[in-house]
Protein backbone atom coordinates (compact mmCIF):
# COMPACT_ATOMS: atom_id res chain seq x y z
CA MET A 1 84.84 66.74 207.83
CA ARG A 2 81.60 67.80 208.03
CA PRO A 3 80.50 68.91 212.35
CA LEU A 4 79.47 66.62 215.08
CA ALA A 5 78.16 68.35 217.38
CA TYR A 6 78.45 72.24 218.57
CA ILE A 7 79.75 73.07 222.21
CA SER A 8 76.35 73.97 224.44
CA LYS A 9 77.26 75.06 226.96
CA ALA A 10 78.44 79.40 227.65
CA LEU A 11 81.95 79.38 226.46
CA SER A 12 84.14 81.05 229.31
CA TYR A 13 87.21 83.60 228.87
CA LYS A 14 89.15 81.38 228.14
CA ASN A 15 87.51 79.77 225.41
CA LEU A 16 85.68 83.16 223.70
CA GLY A 17 89.15 82.92 221.64
CA LEU A 18 88.93 80.45 220.30
CA PRO A 19 88.75 79.21 216.76
CA LEU A 20 85.87 77.66 215.19
CA TYR A 21 87.23 74.33 214.52
CA GLU A 22 88.78 74.41 217.73
CA LYS A 23 85.08 74.60 219.88
CA GLU A 24 82.99 71.89 217.43
CA LEU A 25 83.31 68.32 217.35
CA LEU A 26 84.18 66.70 214.11
CA TYR A 27 83.17 62.96 212.99
CA ARG A 28 86.33 60.63 211.01
CA SER A 29 84.71 58.17 209.03
CA GLY A 30 86.86 55.73 209.61
CA LYS A 31 89.42 55.51 206.38
CA ASP A 32 90.46 59.21 207.13
CA ASN A 33 90.33 58.46 210.74
CA THR A 34 93.93 56.95 210.57
CA MET A 35 94.59 56.52 214.54
CA ALA A 36 91.29 54.86 214.94
CA TYR A 37 92.48 51.18 215.06
CA VAL A 38 96.41 51.06 214.36
CA LEU A 39 97.07 47.86 214.82
CA SER A 40 93.98 45.73 213.17
CA ARG A 41 94.41 48.43 209.27
CA ARG A 42 97.93 48.41 209.28
CA GLU A 43 100.10 45.63 207.54
CA GLU A 44 102.87 47.34 208.96
CA TYR A 45 102.82 46.68 212.31
CA MET A 46 101.79 42.94 212.05
CA ALA A 47 105.68 42.47 213.37
CA ILE A 48 104.49 43.08 217.11
CA THR A 49 103.64 39.47 216.54
CA GLN A 50 107.04 38.30 215.09
CA VAL A 51 108.59 39.54 218.05
CA LEU A 52 106.31 38.01 220.84
CA LEU A 53 106.68 34.08 218.70
CA THR A 54 110.95 34.80 218.72
CA TRP A 55 111.52 33.81 222.51
CA ILE A 56 108.36 31.98 222.55
CA GLN A 57 110.10 29.18 220.07
CA GLU A 58 113.38 30.32 222.63
CA VAL A 59 110.96 29.08 225.34
CA THR A 60 109.86 26.23 223.24
CA GLU A 61 113.18 24.94 222.58
CA SER A 62 113.84 24.43 225.43
CA TYR A 63 110.51 22.19 226.67
CA GLN A 64 112.51 20.00 224.48
CA GLN A 65 115.96 18.78 226.23
CA ASP A 66 114.49 19.88 229.36
CA ASP A 67 113.59 16.72 231.54
CA PHE A 68 111.53 18.07 234.57
CA VAL A 69 109.09 19.67 231.02
CA LYS A 70 108.14 16.79 229.97
CA SER A 71 107.38 14.62 233.01
CA LYS A 72 105.57 17.43 233.64
CA VAL A 73 103.74 16.57 230.15
CA SER A 74 103.08 14.25 230.81
CA GLU A 75 102.04 13.99 232.88
CA LEU A 76 99.19 16.60 232.08
CA LEU A 77 98.46 14.68 229.74
CA LEU A 78 97.99 11.70 230.95
CA VAL A 79 96.65 12.22 233.93
CA SER A 80 95.17 15.91 234.17
CA ASP A 81 94.30 15.48 238.28
CA CYS A 82 97.61 15.74 239.98
CA THR A 83 98.33 17.59 238.33
CA TYR A 84 96.76 20.43 240.96
CA ASN A 85 98.90 23.88 239.40
CA TRP A 86 99.93 22.82 236.13
CA SER A 87 98.88 23.83 233.04
CA TYR A 88 100.29 22.45 229.00
CA MET A 89 98.08 23.96 226.02
CA ASP A 90 99.34 25.42 222.53
CA GLY A 91 103.40 24.75 223.36
CA LEU A 92 103.88 26.82 226.78
CA LEU A 93 103.92 24.69 230.25
CA LYS A 94 102.67 26.81 233.09
CA TYR A 95 102.46 27.31 236.55
CA GLN A 96 99.96 29.14 238.24
CA SER A 97 99.05 30.78 235.11
CA ARG A 98 102.95 31.85 234.88
CA LEU A 99 104.34 30.72 231.74
CA TYR A 100 107.46 27.65 232.28
CA VAL A 101 110.89 28.81 231.87
CA SER A 102 113.34 26.06 231.56
CA ARG A 103 116.74 26.44 232.33
CA TYR A 104 117.95 25.07 229.34
CA GLY A 105 119.75 27.53 226.77
CA ARG A 106 119.72 31.40 227.73
CA ILE A 107 116.49 32.36 228.16
CA ARG A 108 116.41 33.32 231.24
CA ARG A 109 119.10 35.15 231.24
CA LYS A 110 117.80 36.90 227.88
CA LEU A 111 114.58 37.29 229.81
CA ILE A 112 116.19 38.84 233.13
CA GLU A 113 118.20 41.35 230.83
CA ALA A 114 115.27 42.03 229.45
CA LEU A 115 113.04 42.55 231.78
CA HIS A 116 115.53 45.20 234.21
CA PRO A 117 116.21 47.43 232.45
CA SER A 118 113.49 47.77 230.58
CA GLN A 119 111.22 50.81 230.76
CA LEU A 120 108.61 48.84 232.46
CA GLY A 121 111.82 47.85 234.95
CA GLY A 122 113.62 50.20 234.68
CA HIS A 123 116.96 49.15 236.92
CA SER A 124 114.56 48.89 239.85
CA GLY A 125 116.62 46.78 241.89
CA ILE A 126 116.34 42.51 243.03
CA GLN A 127 113.30 43.28 243.93
CA ALA A 128 110.70 45.17 242.06
CA SER A 129 112.25 43.44 239.27
CA TYR A 130 112.58 39.95 240.81
CA MET A 131 107.99 40.55 241.21
CA ARG A 132 107.07 41.92 238.59
CA ALA A 133 108.92 39.89 236.49
CA SER A 134 107.02 36.72 239.33
CA GLN A 135 103.38 38.01 237.91
CA LEU A 136 104.54 36.47 234.54
CA PHE A 137 107.22 33.76 234.55
CA TYR A 138 108.17 30.99 236.65
CA TRP A 139 110.94 28.57 237.76
CA LEU A 140 113.57 27.35 240.39
CA GLY A 141 115.68 30.01 241.70
CA MET A 142 114.46 32.83 240.10
CA LEU A 143 115.23 35.31 242.33
CA ARG A 144 119.11 33.76 243.11
CA ASP A 145 118.88 34.57 238.73
CA PHE A 146 118.03 38.23 239.30
CA LYS A 147 120.07 38.94 242.54
CA GLU A 148 123.20 36.38 239.98
CA VAL A 149 122.01 38.94 236.82
CA ILE A 150 121.95 42.34 238.76
CA LEU A 151 124.51 42.81 241.26
CA ASN A 152 126.44 42.85 237.74
CA CYS A 153 124.95 45.03 236.61
CA ASP A 154 127.19 48.02 235.23
CA THR A 155 124.54 50.35 235.07
CA CYS A 156 123.44 49.18 238.72
CA LYS A 157 126.45 49.10 240.04
CA ARG A 158 127.15 52.62 238.65
CA CYS A 159 124.88 54.45 239.93
CA LYS A 160 122.88 52.69 243.10
CA ASP A 161 124.43 53.77 245.62
CA GLU A 162 123.53 50.87 247.36
CA HIS A 163 126.10 48.92 245.73
CA VAL A 164 128.57 51.61 244.86
CA PRO A 165 131.37 51.02 247.76
């Protein structure tokens, strides 16, 4: 490795004691810099896309049983002007840019059970979990489904004071 640049300003007393290698910026070529663009350079990290495909595949499979989805898709394909907020692309039905989740199958419950205890959700409660999910997904009765699942969440029952009798 070769130095790219040295620190040009005067060092404070705190930085005077630093070794030389901490005072210079080092250039690393693309092959040596393994942290840069790690997702695009390593094939073993490509499994992330497979996880997404699994639940998206479940959503599209649930569409096959849903008469509402079939009628909405046929409307969109025939006359796109009459369905103002709806769109259909790559086999996915969207309402106001949010993915429509069919009532068939267990995909709705799986999504709620995945989002509620996640690092992003963190057992946030009904309203916060619903608001977070409603930015990405849409279905009729979504708030009702969130209430049902979260009120029966074992962790929330034990740890949240609003659920303790």
